[in-house]
Every structure is written in C-alpha cells, then in structure tokens.
Amino acid sequence: MKMIFIGATHEVTGSCTYLEVCGKRILVDFGMEQGRDTYENVKIPCAPGEIDYVLLTHAHIDHSGLLPLLYAGGFSGEIHATAATTSLCEIMLRDSAHIQEFEAEWRNRKAMRKGGEPYVPLYTMKEALGALELFVPHPYDEKFTLVPGIEVRFLDAGHLLGSSSIELWLTENGVSKKIVFSGDIGNLNQPLIRDPQPPKDADYVVMESTYG
C-alpha cells in the first residue's frame, strides 16, 4: 500500500490524499485551495484517467472543488459519498463552475481592452455536470465492498449536512489494516446536525486538526 498526502497537510484547504492499494488508485477528497496559497499541493502521481475511485468526505469546496477538473483530465471512475453530500455537490459544483466561467469572462473582457492573453477557466459547467454523473450515493453506517480487499463505511462527522468520516478496511497480500480518514469533524450540540460519530477502532488515522 502507498499513501501520498497531496494537500491540506500544511494548511487548511485543498484536502486530498492519494492511495494505491489492491491494484487500485484512490483519492480521498480532491479540494480546491482557497485563500492565500502558502503551500502548493503535491502533484497527483498519475494521470487523472488512471484514478479508479474518489471517496469524498463532504461537499465543501476545499474538499470537493477540483472534481470537475479531475473529470476534465479524463477521470471516469466512481465518486463515492453520502447521499446528502451527493445532493449538496449538485449545488456547490455547479456554483463553482459558474464562478469559474464568470471570472474568465470578466478577465477576458479586460484582456481584450489591454491586448492581454486570454484567460481559460479552471473548468466549465459542462465538466462540473460530467463529474456529477459519476457520484454514487451511500447511507451512513453501511459497510460496502468497493473492490475485493477494500471495504468502506461512512460515519457522520457532524460538520455539515452529509459530512462523513471514512472507514477503510484494506486487505492486500494477506495483510489487513484499517485506516480512518476523519474528514472535517463538527462541534458538539449543534442545531440540526448530529454530534460526530467516532469510529470504534483503527490501525491508522488521518485526522483534521481543528476539532479533531
């Protein structure tokens, strides 16, 4: 098994972790960097079309915002998330694409007046809609087999409607390990949102550090 931290290990946006296990390439989140870009994200160590699956913790753009860019690069695998995260991404990724296109149009109007280079949006509405077609929704607390050797369960992280921690049970070459990705963890006693549901055990935990 190989794990590479792509983003959000020095700062709080651009969350992404790359996994190679059981012959599959998996991303946990693929978020946009927001605000001042102090630390550049590491490059994903393969072409987007070679990624097999994405596991998405929640819909916030710093966790989901580059999924249309992944699709634009050739990704055609499945994006697994909770049902509520899937529904929220329908809104948030469309909105993000609209902002990208609007900003490109505005910059290009300025560039035309000044004779500057044309500005290309990070991704388009068409690419956002393409990414949304790849979502596979799941309920909380249901353990499912992604492929032989990889089992997954989403737990309520209490951060946002649909937000989750992700439990992964991995068996490769006769060795079994459990990894938990905490996602962003919510606070306690919030209206409408359940308290975070902690996992019972893990061999390794990849944890956010605000409430984690």
N, C-alpha and C. Protein backbone atom coordinates (compact mmCIF):
# COMPACT_ATOMS: atom_id res chain seq x y z
N MET A 1 0.84 -1.19 0.00
CA MET A 1 0.00 0.00 0.00
C MET A 1 0.88 1.24 0.00
N LYS A 2 0.45 2.25 -0.74
CA LYS A 2 1.16 3.52 -0.80
C LYS A 2 0.17 4.64 -0.48
N MET A 3 0.60 5.60 0.33
CA MET A 3 -0.21 6.77 0.64
C MET A 3 0.63 8.02 0.43
N ILE A 4 0.05 9.00 -0.30
CA ILE A 4 0.73 10.28 -0.53
C ILE A 4 -0.24 11.39 -0.15
N PHE A 5 0.22 12.31 0.70
CA PHE A 5 -0.60 13.46 1.07
C PHE A 5 -0.43 14.53 -0.01
N ILE A 6 -1.52 14.81 -0.72
CA ILE A 6 -1.47 15.75 -1.83
C ILE A 6 -1.65 17.18 -1.34
N GLY A 7 -2.61 17.39 -0.43
CA GLY A 7 -2.87 18.75 0.05
C GLY A 7 -3.44 18.76 1.45
N ALA A 8 -3.48 19.96 2.03
CA ALA A 8 -4.03 20.21 3.38
C ALA A 8 -3.21 19.60 4.50
N THR A 9 -1.95 19.33 4.25
CA THR A 9 -1.10 18.85 5.34
C THR A 9 -0.28 19.98 5.97
N HIS A 10 -0.21 21.14 5.30
CA HIS A 10 0.42 22.32 5.89
C HIS A 10 -0.57 23.46 6.10
N GLU A 11 -1.74 23.34 5.47
CA GLU A 11 -2.73 24.41 5.55
C GLU A 11 -4.12 23.78 5.54
N VAL A 12 -5.16 24.60 5.61
CA VAL A 12 -6.48 24.04 5.88
C VAL A 12 -7.37 23.87 4.65
N THR A 13 -6.87 24.11 3.45
CA THR A 13 -7.69 23.89 2.26
C THR A 13 -6.95 23.00 1.27
N GLY A 14 -7.67 22.61 0.20
CA GLY A 14 -7.06 21.75 -0.82
C GLY A 14 -6.90 20.32 -0.37
N SER A 15 -7.83 19.81 0.43
CA SER A 15 -7.70 18.47 1.00
C SER A 15 -7.66 17.39 -0.08
N CYS A 16 -6.68 16.52 0.01
CA CYS A 16 -6.58 15.39 -0.91
C CYS A 16 -5.51 14.42 -0.43
N THR A 17 -5.85 13.13 -0.44
CA THR A 17 -4.90 12.07 -0.13
C THR A 17 -5.00 11.02 -1.22
N TYR A 18 -3.85 10.54 -1.66
CA TYR A 18 -3.77 9.53 -2.73
C TYR A 18 -3.41 8.18 -2.11
N LEU A 19 -4.15 7.14 -2.51
CA LEU A 19 -3.89 5.79 -2.04
C LEU A 19 -3.69 4.85 -3.22
N GLU A 20 -2.70 3.98 -3.11
CA GLU A 20 -2.58 2.83 -4.02
C GLU A 20 -2.72 1.58 -3.17
N VAL A 21 -3.74 0.77 -3.45
CA VAL A 21 -3.97 -0.45 -2.67
C VAL A 21 -4.80 -1.41 -3.51
N CYS A 22 -4.49 -2.69 -3.40
CA CYS A 22 -5.21 -3.74 -4.14
C CYS A 22 -5.25 -3.45 -5.63
N GLY A 23 -4.19 -2.88 -6.16
CA GLY A 23 -4.11 -2.59 -7.58
C GLY A 23 -4.97 -1.43 -8.04
N LYS A 24 -5.52 -0.66 -7.10
CA LYS A 24 -6.38 0.48 -7.43
C LYS A 24 -5.75 1.79 -6.97
N ARG A 25 -6.08 2.85 -7.69
CA ARG A 25 -5.65 4.20 -7.32
C ARG A 25 -6.88 4.97 -6.85
N ILE A 26 -6.80 5.51 -5.64
CA ILE A 26 -7.96 6.13 -4.98
C ILE A 26 -7.57 7.50 -4.46
N LEU A 27 -8.45 8.47 -4.63
CA LEU A 27 -8.30 9.77 -3.97
C LEU A 27 -9.34 9.88 -2.86
N VAL A 28 -8.91 10.33 -1.70
CA VAL A 28 -9.84 10.73 -0.64
C VAL A 28 -9.90 12.25 -0.69
N ASP A 29 -11.02 12.77 -1.19
CA ASP A 29 -11.24 14.20 -1.43
C ASP A 29 -10.36 14.70 -2.57
N PHE A 30 -10.79 15.78 -3.21
CA PHE A 30 -9.96 16.50 -4.19
C PHE A 30 -10.43 17.93 -4.16
N GLY A 31 -9.91 18.68 -3.19
CA GLY A 31 -10.43 20.01 -2.89
C GLY A 31 -9.63 21.13 -3.50
N MET A 32 -10.30 22.25 -3.65
CA MET A 32 -9.67 23.46 -4.17
C MET A 32 -8.98 24.22 -3.04
N GLU A 33 -7.81 24.77 -3.34
CA GLU A 33 -7.14 25.63 -2.36
C GLU A 33 -7.81 26.99 -2.37
N GLN A 34 -8.11 27.51 -1.19
CA GLN A 34 -8.82 28.77 -1.07
C GLN A 34 -8.02 29.73 -0.19
N GLY A 35 -8.12 31.00 -0.49
CA GLY A 35 -7.35 31.98 0.25
C GLY A 35 -5.90 31.99 -0.20
N ARG A 36 -5.02 32.48 0.63
CA ARG A 36 -3.60 32.59 0.28
C ARG A 36 -3.00 31.20 0.13
N ASP A 37 -2.34 30.96 -1.00
CA ASP A 37 -1.77 29.64 -1.30
C ASP A 37 -0.33 29.60 -0.77
N THR A 38 -0.20 29.33 0.52
CA THR A 38 1.12 29.34 1.15
C THR A 38 1.94 28.13 0.74
N TYR A 39 1.31 26.96 0.66
CA TYR A 39 1.99 25.72 0.30
C TYR A 39 1.29 25.11 -0.92
N GLU A 40 2.03 24.94 -2.01
CA GLU A 40 1.43 24.33 -3.19
C GLU A 40 1.18 22.86 -2.95
N ASN A 41 0.04 22.38 -3.45
CA ASN A 41 -0.25 20.95 -3.34
C ASN A 41 0.75 20.13 -4.16
N VAL A 42 1.01 18.93 -3.69
CA VAL A 42 1.82 17.98 -4.44
C VAL A 42 1.01 17.55 -5.67
N LYS A 43 1.68 17.23 -6.75
CA LYS A 43 1.00 16.72 -7.94
C LYS A 43 0.53 15.29 -7.69
N ILE A 44 -0.65 14.97 -8.19
CA ILE A 44 -1.11 13.57 -8.15
C ILE A 44 -0.14 12.74 -9.00
N PRO A 45 0.32 11.59 -8.48
CA PRO A 45 1.40 10.86 -9.17
C PRO A 45 0.95 10.00 -10.34
N CYS A 46 -0.15 10.37 -10.99
CA CYS A 46 -0.61 9.66 -12.18
C CYS A 46 -1.55 10.57 -12.93
N ALA A 47 -1.92 10.19 -14.14
CA ALA A 47 -2.88 10.97 -14.91
C ALA A 47 -4.27 10.83 -14.29
N PRO A 48 -5.13 11.86 -14.41
CA PRO A 48 -6.49 11.75 -13.85
C PRO A 48 -7.26 10.53 -14.35
N GLY A 49 -7.04 10.16 -15.60
CA GLY A 49 -7.73 9.00 -16.14
C GLY A 49 -7.30 7.68 -15.53
N GLU A 50 -6.19 7.67 -14.78
CA GLU A 50 -5.71 6.45 -14.13
C GLU A 50 -6.24 6.30 -12.70
N ILE A 51 -6.93 7.33 -12.19
CA ILE A 51 -7.58 7.21 -10.88
C ILE A 51 -8.82 6.33 -11.03
N ASP A 52 -8.97 5.37 -10.15
CA ASP A 52 -10.11 4.45 -10.23
C ASP A 52 -11.33 4.94 -9.45
N TYR A 53 -11.10 5.51 -8.26
CA TYR A 53 -12.20 5.91 -7.40
C TYR A 53 -11.84 7.19 -6.64
N VAL A 54 -12.88 7.94 -6.27
CA VAL A 54 -12.74 9.03 -5.30
C VAL A 54 -13.70 8.73 -4.15
N LEU A 55 -13.21 8.89 -2.93
CA LEU A 55 -14.04 8.82 -1.72
C LEU A 55 -14.11 10.24 -1.17
N LEU A 56 -15.31 10.77 -1.05
CA LEU A 56 -15.49 12.18 -0.71
C LEU A 56 -16.07 12.32 0.69
N THR A 57 -15.37 13.07 1.56
CA THR A 57 -15.85 13.21 2.94
C THR A 57 -17.04 14.14 3.05
N HIS A 58 -17.02 15.27 2.30
CA HIS A 58 -18.17 16.19 2.35
C HIS A 58 -18.08 17.20 1.21
N ALA A 59 -19.11 18.04 1.10
CA ALA A 59 -19.31 18.85 -0.11
C ALA A 59 -18.57 20.17 -0.12
N HIS A 60 -18.00 20.63 0.98
CA HIS A 60 -17.32 21.92 0.96
C HIS A 60 -16.27 21.95 -0.15
N ILE A 61 -16.13 23.12 -0.79
CA ILE A 61 -15.31 23.24 -1.99
C ILE A 61 -13.84 22.93 -1.73
N ASP A 62 -13.35 23.16 -0.50
CA ASP A 62 -11.96 22.82 -0.21
C ASP A 62 -11.74 21.32 -0.09
N HIS A 63 -12.82 20.54 -0.23
CA HIS A 63 -12.72 19.08 -0.26
C HIS A 63 -13.20 18.49 -1.59
N SER A 64 -14.13 19.18 -2.26
CA SER A 64 -14.73 18.64 -3.49
C SER A 64 -14.45 19.47 -4.74
N GLY A 65 -13.89 20.65 -4.60
CA GLY A 65 -13.92 21.65 -5.65
C GLY A 65 -13.13 21.36 -6.90
N LEU A 66 -12.20 20.39 -6.89
CA LEU A 66 -11.44 20.08 -8.09
C LEU A 66 -11.93 18.83 -8.80
N LEU A 67 -13.05 18.27 -8.36
CA LEU A 67 -13.57 17.07 -9.03
C LEU A 67 -13.91 17.32 -10.49
N PRO A 68 -14.49 18.49 -10.87
CA PRO A 68 -14.69 18.74 -12.31
C PRO A 68 -13.38 18.80 -13.09
N LEU A 69 -12.31 19.32 -12.46
CA LEU A 69 -11.02 19.36 -13.12
C LEU A 69 -10.48 17.94 -13.34
N LEU A 70 -10.71 17.07 -12.35
CA LEU A 70 -10.32 15.66 -12.49
C LEU A 70 -11.06 15.03 -13.67
N TYR A 71 -12.36 15.31 -13.76
CA TYR A 71 -13.16 14.80 -14.87
C TYR A 71 -12.64 15.35 -16.21
N ALA A 72 -12.33 16.63 -16.23
CA ALA A 72 -11.82 17.25 -17.45
C ALA A 72 -10.52 16.61 -17.91
N GLY A 73 -9.73 16.10 -16.96
CA GLY A 73 -8.47 15.45 -17.29
C GLY A 73 -8.59 14.01 -17.72
N GLY A 74 -9.82 13.46 -17.69
CA GLY A 74 -10.02 12.09 -18.15
C GLY A 74 -10.52 11.11 -17.12
N PHE A 75 -10.76 11.55 -15.88
CA PHE A 75 -11.28 10.65 -14.86
C PHE A 75 -12.69 10.22 -15.22
N SER A 76 -12.94 8.91 -15.17
CA SER A 76 -14.27 8.38 -15.48
C SER A 76 -14.71 7.33 -14.47
N GLY A 77 -14.02 7.28 -13.31
CA GLY A 77 -14.36 6.31 -12.28
C GLY A 77 -15.55 6.77 -11.46
N GLU A 78 -15.71 6.15 -10.29
CA GLU A 78 -16.85 6.47 -9.43
C GLU A 78 -16.42 7.39 -8.29
N ILE A 79 -17.32 8.29 -7.91
CA ILE A 79 -17.13 9.17 -6.76
C ILE A 79 -18.12 8.72 -5.69
N HIS A 80 -17.63 8.15 -4.60
CA HIS A 80 -18.49 7.63 -3.55
C HIS A 80 -18.60 8.64 -2.41
N ALA A 81 -19.82 8.89 -1.98
CA ALA A 81 -20.09 9.87 -0.93
C ALA A 81 -21.44 9.54 -0.30
N THR A 82 -21.77 10.22 0.79
CA THR A 82 -23.10 10.03 1.36
C THR A 82 -24.15 10.63 0.42
N ALA A 83 -25.39 10.23 0.62
CA ALA A 83 -26.47 10.72 -0.23
C ALA A 83 -26.62 12.23 -0.11
N ALA A 84 -26.50 12.77 1.11
CA ALA A 84 -26.65 14.21 1.31
C ALA A 84 -25.48 14.97 0.68
N THR A 85 -24.27 14.44 0.77
CA THR A 85 -23.12 15.08 0.11
C THR A 85 -23.32 15.10 -1.40
N THR A 86 -23.84 14.02 -1.95
CA THR A 86 -24.13 13.97 -3.38
C THR A 86 -25.10 15.07 -3.77
N SER A 87 -26.15 15.25 -2.98
CA SER A 87 -27.15 16.29 -3.28
C SER A 87 -26.55 17.69 -3.16
N LEU A 88 -25.75 17.93 -2.12
CA LEU A 88 -25.13 19.24 -1.95
C LEU A 88 -24.14 19.55 -3.07
N CYS A 89 -23.41 18.55 -3.53
CA CYS A 89 -22.46 18.78 -4.62
C CYS A 89 -23.16 19.18 -5.91
N GLU A 90 -24.39 18.72 -6.08
CA GLU A 90 -25.18 19.16 -7.24
C GLU A 90 -25.29 20.69 -7.26
N ILE A 91 -25.39 21.28 -6.09
CA ILE A 91 -25.49 22.74 -6.00
C ILE A 91 -24.10 23.38 -6.03
N MET A 92 -23.19 22.86 -5.22
CA MET A 92 -21.92 23.55 -4.98
C MET A 92 -20.96 23.46 -6.17
N LEU A 93 -20.92 22.32 -6.86
CA LEU A 93 -20.03 22.22 -8.01
C LEU A 93 -20.56 23.01 -9.20
N ARG A 94 -21.89 23.06 -9.35
CA ARG A 94 -22.46 23.93 -10.38
C ARG A 94 -22.12 25.39 -10.09
N ASP A 95 -22.27 25.77 -8.82
CA ASP A 95 -21.98 27.15 -8.43
C ASP A 95 -20.51 27.48 -8.66
N SER A 96 -19.63 26.56 -8.31
CA SER A 96 -18.20 26.77 -8.52
C SER A 96 -17.88 26.94 -10.00
N ALA A 97 -18.49 26.11 -10.84
CA ALA A 97 -18.25 26.21 -12.28
C ALA A 97 -18.76 27.55 -12.82
N HIS A 98 -19.91 27.99 -12.32
CA HIS A 98 -20.45 29.29 -12.74
C HIS A 98 -19.48 30.41 -12.38
N ILE A 99 -18.90 30.35 -11.18
CA ILE A 99 -17.93 31.36 -10.76
C ILE A 99 -16.69 31.32 -11.66
N GLN A 100 -16.20 30.10 -11.98
CA GLN A 100 -15.03 29.98 -12.86
C GLN A 100 -15.30 30.62 -14.22
N GLU A 101 -16.47 30.33 -14.79
CA GLU A 101 -16.80 30.87 -16.11
C GLU A 101 -17.01 32.38 -16.07
N PHE A 102 -17.67 32.86 -15.01
CA PHE A 102 -17.92 34.29 -14.87
C PHE A 102 -16.60 35.05 -14.73
N GLU A 103 -15.69 34.52 -13.92
CA GLU A 103 -14.39 35.19 -13.74
C GLU A 103 -13.60 35.21 -15.04
N ALA A 104 -13.65 34.09 -15.80
CA ALA A 104 -12.94 34.04 -17.07
C ALA A 104 -13.50 35.08 -18.04
N GLU A 105 -14.83 35.20 -18.09
CA GLU A 105 -15.45 36.19 -18.97
C GLU A 105 -15.03 37.61 -18.59
N TRP A 106 -15.00 37.89 -17.29
CA TRP A 106 -14.62 39.22 -16.79
C TRP A 106 -13.15 39.51 -17.12
N ARG A 107 -12.28 38.52 -16.87
CA ARG A 107 -10.86 38.73 -17.14
C ARG A 107 -10.60 38.91 -18.64
N ASN A 108 -11.34 38.16 -19.44
CA ASN A 108 -11.12 38.24 -20.88
C ASN A 108 -11.60 39.57 -21.46
N ARG A 109 -12.65 40.16 -20.87
CA ARG A 109 -13.07 41.49 -21.30
C ARG A 109 -11.96 42.50 -21.03
N LYS A 110 -11.34 42.40 -19.84
CA LYS A 110 -10.23 43.30 -19.51
C LYS A 110 -9.03 43.05 -20.43
N ALA A 111 -8.76 41.75 -20.70
CA ALA A 111 -7.61 41.40 -21.54
C ALA A 111 -7.78 41.93 -22.97
N MET A 112 -9.02 41.90 -23.47
CA MET A 112 -9.27 42.39 -24.83
C MET A 112 -8.98 43.88 -24.93
N ARG A 113 -9.34 44.62 -23.88
CA ARG A 113 -9.10 46.06 -23.89
C ARG A 113 -7.60 46.38 -23.83
N LYS A 114 -6.85 45.52 -23.15
CA LYS A 114 -5.42 45.80 -22.94
C LYS A 114 -4.52 44.96 -23.83
N GLY A 115 -5.11 44.11 -24.66
CA GLY A 115 -4.30 43.26 -25.53
C GLY A 115 -3.60 42.14 -24.80
N GLY A 116 -4.17 41.69 -23.67
CA GLY A 116 -3.56 40.62 -22.88
C GLY A 116 -3.91 39.23 -23.39
N GLU A 117 -3.32 38.23 -22.75
CA GLU A 117 -3.57 36.83 -23.11
C GLU A 117 -4.96 36.41 -22.63
N PRO A 118 -5.64 35.54 -23.39
CA PRO A 118 -6.95 35.06 -22.94
C PRO A 118 -6.83 34.20 -21.68
N TYR A 119 -7.83 34.30 -20.84
CA TYR A 119 -7.86 33.54 -19.58
C TYR A 119 -8.82 32.37 -19.73
N VAL A 120 -8.35 31.18 -19.41
CA VAL A 120 -9.16 29.97 -19.52
C VAL A 120 -9.66 29.58 -18.13
N PRO A 121 -10.97 29.33 -17.97
CA PRO A 121 -11.46 28.95 -16.65
C PRO A 121 -10.87 27.61 -16.20
N LEU A 122 -10.78 27.45 -14.89
CA LEU A 122 -10.24 26.20 -14.34
C LEU A 122 -11.05 25.01 -14.83
N TYR A 123 -12.36 25.16 -14.88
CA TYR A 123 -13.24 24.17 -15.50
C TYR A 123 -14.55 24.84 -15.85
N THR A 124 -15.36 24.14 -16.62
CA THR A 124 -16.61 24.68 -17.14
C THR A 124 -17.82 24.00 -16.50
N MET A 125 -19.00 24.56 -16.76
CA MET A 125 -20.23 23.94 -16.28
C MET A 125 -20.39 22.54 -16.86
N LYS A 126 -20.04 22.36 -18.11
CA LYS A 126 -20.13 21.03 -18.73
C LYS A 126 -19.29 20.01 -17.98
N GLU A 127 -18.11 20.41 -17.55
CA GLU A 127 -17.22 19.49 -16.82
C GLU A 127 -17.75 19.23 -15.41
N ALA A 128 -18.35 20.23 -14.77
CA ALA A 128 -18.97 20.01 -13.46
C ALA A 128 -20.12 19.02 -13.58
N LEU A 129 -20.95 19.18 -14.61
CA LEU A 129 -22.07 18.25 -14.81
C LEU A 129 -21.58 16.85 -15.11
N GLY A 130 -20.47 16.75 -15.84
CA GLY A 130 -19.89 15.43 -16.11
C GLY A 130 -19.42 14.75 -14.84
N ALA A 131 -18.78 15.51 -13.95
CA ALA A 131 -18.33 14.94 -12.67
C ALA A 131 -19.52 14.49 -11.83
N LEU A 132 -20.59 15.27 -11.84
CA LEU A 132 -21.77 14.92 -11.03
C LEU A 132 -22.39 13.61 -11.47
N GLU A 133 -22.24 13.26 -12.73
CA GLU A 133 -22.77 11.98 -13.23
C GLU A 133 -22.05 10.78 -12.62
N LEU A 134 -20.87 11.00 -12.05
CA LEU A 134 -20.06 9.89 -11.54
C LEU A 134 -20.31 9.58 -10.06
N PHE A 135 -21.17 10.37 -9.40
CA PHE A 135 -21.41 10.17 -7.97
C PHE A 135 -22.21 8.90 -7.70
N VAL A 136 -21.79 8.19 -6.66
CA VAL A 136 -22.52 7.00 -6.17
C VAL A 136 -22.88 7.28 -4.71
N PRO A 137 -24.16 7.50 -4.39
CA PRO A 137 -24.54 7.87 -3.02
C PRO A 137 -24.68 6.65 -2.11
N HIS A 138 -24.38 6.87 -0.82
CA HIS A 138 -24.48 5.81 0.19
C HIS A 138 -25.13 6.36 1.46
N PRO A 139 -25.84 5.52 2.21
CA PRO A 139 -26.31 5.94 3.53
C PRO A 139 -25.16 5.87 4.54
N TYR A 140 -25.34 6.57 5.66
CA TYR A 140 -24.39 6.40 6.76
C TYR A 140 -24.45 4.96 7.28
N ASP A 141 -23.31 4.52 7.83
CA ASP A 141 -23.22 3.28 8.61
C ASP A 141 -23.37 2.01 7.79
N GLU A 142 -23.40 2.11 6.46
CA GLU A 142 -23.49 0.92 5.62
C GLU A 142 -22.10 0.54 5.14
N LYS A 143 -21.65 -0.65 5.50
CA LYS A 143 -20.34 -1.12 5.05
C LYS A 143 -20.51 -1.77 3.68
N PHE A 144 -19.72 -1.32 2.71
CA PHE A 144 -19.85 -1.87 1.36
C PHE A 144 -18.47 -2.21 0.81
N THR A 145 -18.44 -3.13 -0.15
CA THR A 145 -17.20 -3.54 -0.79
C THR A 145 -16.98 -2.71 -2.04
N LEU A 146 -15.89 -1.96 -2.05
CA LEU A 146 -15.54 -1.16 -3.22
C LEU A 146 -15.03 -2.08 -4.33
N VAL A 147 -14.02 -2.86 -3.99
CA VAL A 147 -13.49 -3.96 -4.81
C VAL A 147 -13.03 -5.02 -3.81
N PRO A 148 -12.76 -6.25 -4.24
CA PRO A 148 -12.23 -7.24 -3.30
C PRO A 148 -10.98 -6.72 -2.60
N GLY A 149 -11.01 -6.75 -1.27
CA GLY A 149 -9.89 -6.26 -0.47
C GLY A 149 -10.07 -4.86 0.06
N ILE A 150 -11.11 -4.16 -0.40
CA ILE A 150 -11.35 -2.78 0.06
C ILE A 150 -12.81 -2.65 0.47
N GLU A 151 -13.04 -2.43 1.77
CA GLU A 151 -14.38 -2.18 2.28
C GLU A 151 -14.44 -0.77 2.86
N VAL A 152 -15.61 -0.15 2.76
CA VAL A 152 -15.76 1.27 3.08
C VAL A 152 -17.02 1.47 3.91
N ARG A 153 -16.95 2.43 4.85
CA ARG A 153 -18.15 2.86 5.57
C ARG A 153 -18.04 4.35 5.87
N PHE A 154 -19.16 5.05 5.71
CA PHE A 154 -19.24 6.47 6.03
C PHE A 154 -19.90 6.65 7.38
N LEU A 155 -19.23 7.38 8.28
CA LEU A 155 -19.77 7.73 9.59
C LEU A 155 -20.08 9.22 9.63
N ASP A 156 -21.10 9.62 10.37
CA ASP A 156 -21.48 11.02 10.45
C ASP A 156 -20.41 11.80 11.22
N ALA A 157 -19.81 12.79 10.56
CA ALA A 157 -18.75 13.60 11.19
C ALA A 157 -19.31 14.84 11.87
N GLY A 158 -20.62 15.12 11.72
CA GLY A 158 -21.23 16.22 12.45
C GLY A 158 -20.75 17.60 12.06
N HIS A 159 -20.21 17.74 10.86
CA HIS A 159 -19.60 19.01 10.43
C HIS A 159 -20.54 19.80 9.52
N LEU A 160 -21.29 19.10 8.70
CA LEU A 160 -22.11 19.68 7.66
C LEU A 160 -23.13 18.61 7.27
N LEU A 161 -24.26 19.00 6.72
CA LEU A 161 -25.19 18.02 6.20
C LEU A 161 -24.46 17.05 5.27
N GLY A 162 -24.49 15.78 5.60
CA GLY A 162 -23.84 14.77 4.76
C GLY A 162 -22.38 14.52 5.04
N SER A 163 -21.77 15.31 5.93
CA SER A 163 -20.32 15.16 6.16
C SER A 163 -20.02 13.83 6.82
N SER A 164 -18.83 13.30 6.51
CA SER A 164 -18.51 11.96 6.99
C SER A 164 -17.04 11.82 7.34
N SER A 165 -16.80 10.90 8.27
CA SER A 165 -15.50 10.26 8.40
C SER A 165 -15.59 8.97 7.58
N ILE A 166 -14.47 8.54 7.03
CA ILE A 166 -14.47 7.36 6.15
C ILE A 166 -13.61 6.28 6.77
N GLU A 167 -14.24 5.12 7.03
CA GLU A 167 -13.51 3.94 7.49
C GLU A 167 -13.16 3.07 6.29
N LEU A 168 -11.91 2.65 6.21
CA LEU A 168 -11.44 1.78 5.14
C LEU A 168 -10.81 0.53 5.73
N TRP A 169 -11.35 -0.63 5.35
CA TRP A 169 -10.74 -1.91 5.70
C TRP A 169 -10.02 -2.42 4.46
N LEU A 170 -8.69 -2.60 4.58
CA LEU A 170 -7.86 -2.93 3.43
C LEU A 170 -7.14 -4.25 3.66
N THR A 171 -7.24 -5.16 2.70
CA THR A 171 -6.52 -6.43 2.76
C THR A 171 -5.73 -6.61 1.48
N GLU A 172 -4.41 -6.70 1.65
CA GLU A 172 -3.51 -6.81 0.49
C GLU A 172 -2.37 -7.75 0.85
N ASN A 173 -2.13 -8.72 -0.02
CA ASN A 173 -1.07 -9.71 0.20
C ASN A 173 -1.20 -10.38 1.57
N GLY A 174 -2.43 -10.68 1.96
CA GLY A 174 -2.68 -11.37 3.22
C GLY A 174 -2.59 -10.52 4.47
N VAL A 175 -2.34 -9.24 4.32
CA VAL A 175 -2.23 -8.33 5.46
C VAL A 175 -3.46 -7.42 5.48
N SER A 176 -4.13 -7.32 6.64
CA SER A 176 -5.32 -6.49 6.77
C SER A 176 -5.04 -5.32 7.72
N LYS A 177 -5.44 -4.12 7.31
CA LYS A 177 -5.30 -2.92 8.13
C LYS A 177 -6.56 -2.08 7.97
N LYS A 178 -6.84 -1.29 9.01
CA LYS A 178 -7.96 -0.37 8.94
C LYS A 178 -7.44 1.06 9.04
N ILE A 179 -7.83 1.91 8.08
CA ILE A 179 -7.48 3.32 8.08
C ILE A 179 -8.76 4.14 8.21
N VAL A 180 -8.72 5.16 9.03
CA VAL A 180 -9.84 6.08 9.16
C VAL A 180 -9.40 7.47 8.71
N PHE A 181 -10.16 8.06 7.79
CA PHE A 181 -9.99 9.46 7.40
C PHE A 181 -11.07 10.25 8.12
N SER A 182 -10.68 11.14 9.00
CA SER A 182 -11.65 11.80 9.86
C SER A 182 -12.55 12.77 9.09
N GLY A 183 -12.08 13.31 7.95
CA GLY A 183 -12.77 14.44 7.35
C GLY A 183 -12.76 15.61 8.32
N ASP A 184 -13.52 16.64 8.05
CA ASP A 184 -13.67 17.74 9.00
C ASP A 184 -14.68 17.33 10.06
N ILE A 185 -14.30 17.45 11.31
CA ILE A 185 -15.13 17.00 12.42
C ILE A 185 -15.91 18.18 12.99
N GLY A 186 -17.20 17.98 13.24
CA GLY A 186 -18.03 19.05 13.77
C GLY A 186 -17.88 19.23 15.26
N ASN A 187 -18.51 20.27 15.75
CA ASN A 187 -18.55 20.53 17.19
C ASN A 187 -19.73 19.79 17.80
N LEU A 188 -19.91 19.91 19.10
CA LEU A 188 -20.98 19.20 19.81
C LEU A 188 -22.20 20.09 19.98
N ASN A 189 -23.36 19.45 20.12
CA ASN A 189 -24.62 20.13 20.47
C ASN A 189 -24.99 21.24 19.48
N GLN A 190 -24.87 20.93 18.18
CA GLN A 190 -25.26 21.88 17.15
C GLN A 190 -26.73 21.66 16.77
N PRO A 191 -27.46 22.71 16.44
CA PRO A 191 -28.82 22.51 15.96
C PRO A 191 -28.81 21.83 14.59
N LEU A 192 -29.73 20.89 14.38
CA LEU A 192 -29.96 20.20 13.10
C LEU A 192 -28.91 19.14 12.76
N ILE A 193 -27.68 19.30 13.25
CA ILE A 193 -26.60 18.37 12.90
C ILE A 193 -26.30 17.47 14.09
N ARG A 194 -26.18 16.17 13.82
CA ARG A 194 -25.86 15.24 14.89
C ARG A 194 -24.43 15.46 15.41
N ASP A 195 -24.19 15.05 16.63
CA ASP A 195 -22.81 15.04 17.14
C ASP A 195 -21.97 14.09 16.30
N PRO A 196 -20.67 14.35 16.19
CA PRO A 196 -19.80 13.42 15.45
C PRO A 196 -19.88 12.00 16.01
N GLN A 197 -19.91 11.02 15.11
CA GLN A 197 -19.96 9.61 15.50
C GLN A 197 -18.54 9.03 15.38
N PRO A 198 -17.86 8.79 16.50
CA PRO A 198 -16.47 8.33 16.40
C PRO A 198 -16.38 6.86 15.97
N PRO A 199 -15.37 6.51 15.21
CA PRO A 199 -15.14 5.08 14.90
C PRO A 199 -14.67 4.35 16.15
N LYS A 200 -14.89 3.05 16.15
CA LYS A 200 -14.53 2.26 17.35
C LYS A 200 -13.04 1.93 17.39
N ASP A 201 -12.41 1.75 16.24
CA ASP A 201 -11.00 1.33 16.24
C ASP A 201 -10.38 1.67 14.89
N ALA A 202 -9.05 1.61 14.84
CA ALA A 202 -8.31 1.85 13.61
C ALA A 202 -6.86 1.47 13.83
N ASP A 203 -6.19 1.08 12.76
CA ASP A 203 -4.74 0.92 12.80
C ASP A 203 -4.04 2.24 12.53
N TYR A 204 -4.63 3.03 11.63
CA TYR A 204 -4.08 4.35 11.30
C TYR A 204 -5.23 5.34 11.17
N VAL A 205 -4.99 6.58 11.59
CA VAL A 205 -5.99 7.64 11.46
C VAL A 205 -5.34 8.84 10.77
N VAL A 206 -6.00 9.34 9.74
CA VAL A 206 -5.62 10.59 9.08
C VAL A 206 -6.64 11.61 9.52
N MET A 207 -6.21 12.58 10.35
CA MET A 207 -7.17 13.42 11.08
C MET A 207 -6.96 14.90 10.83
N GLU A 208 -8.07 15.62 10.64
CA GLU A 208 -8.01 17.08 10.62
C GLU A 208 -7.75 17.57 12.05
N SER A 209 -7.28 18.81 12.18
CA SER A 209 -6.78 19.22 13.50
C SER A 209 -7.48 20.46 14.06
N THR A 210 -8.69 20.77 13.58
CA THR A 210 -9.43 21.88 14.17
C THR A 210 -10.18 21.40 15.41
N TYR A 211 -11.13 20.48 15.20
CA TYR A 211 -11.82 19.83 16.31
C TYR A 211 -11.32 18.42 16.53
N GLY A 212 -10.49 17.91 15.59
CA GLY A 212 -10.01 16.54 15.70
C GLY A 212 -9.26 16.27 16.99
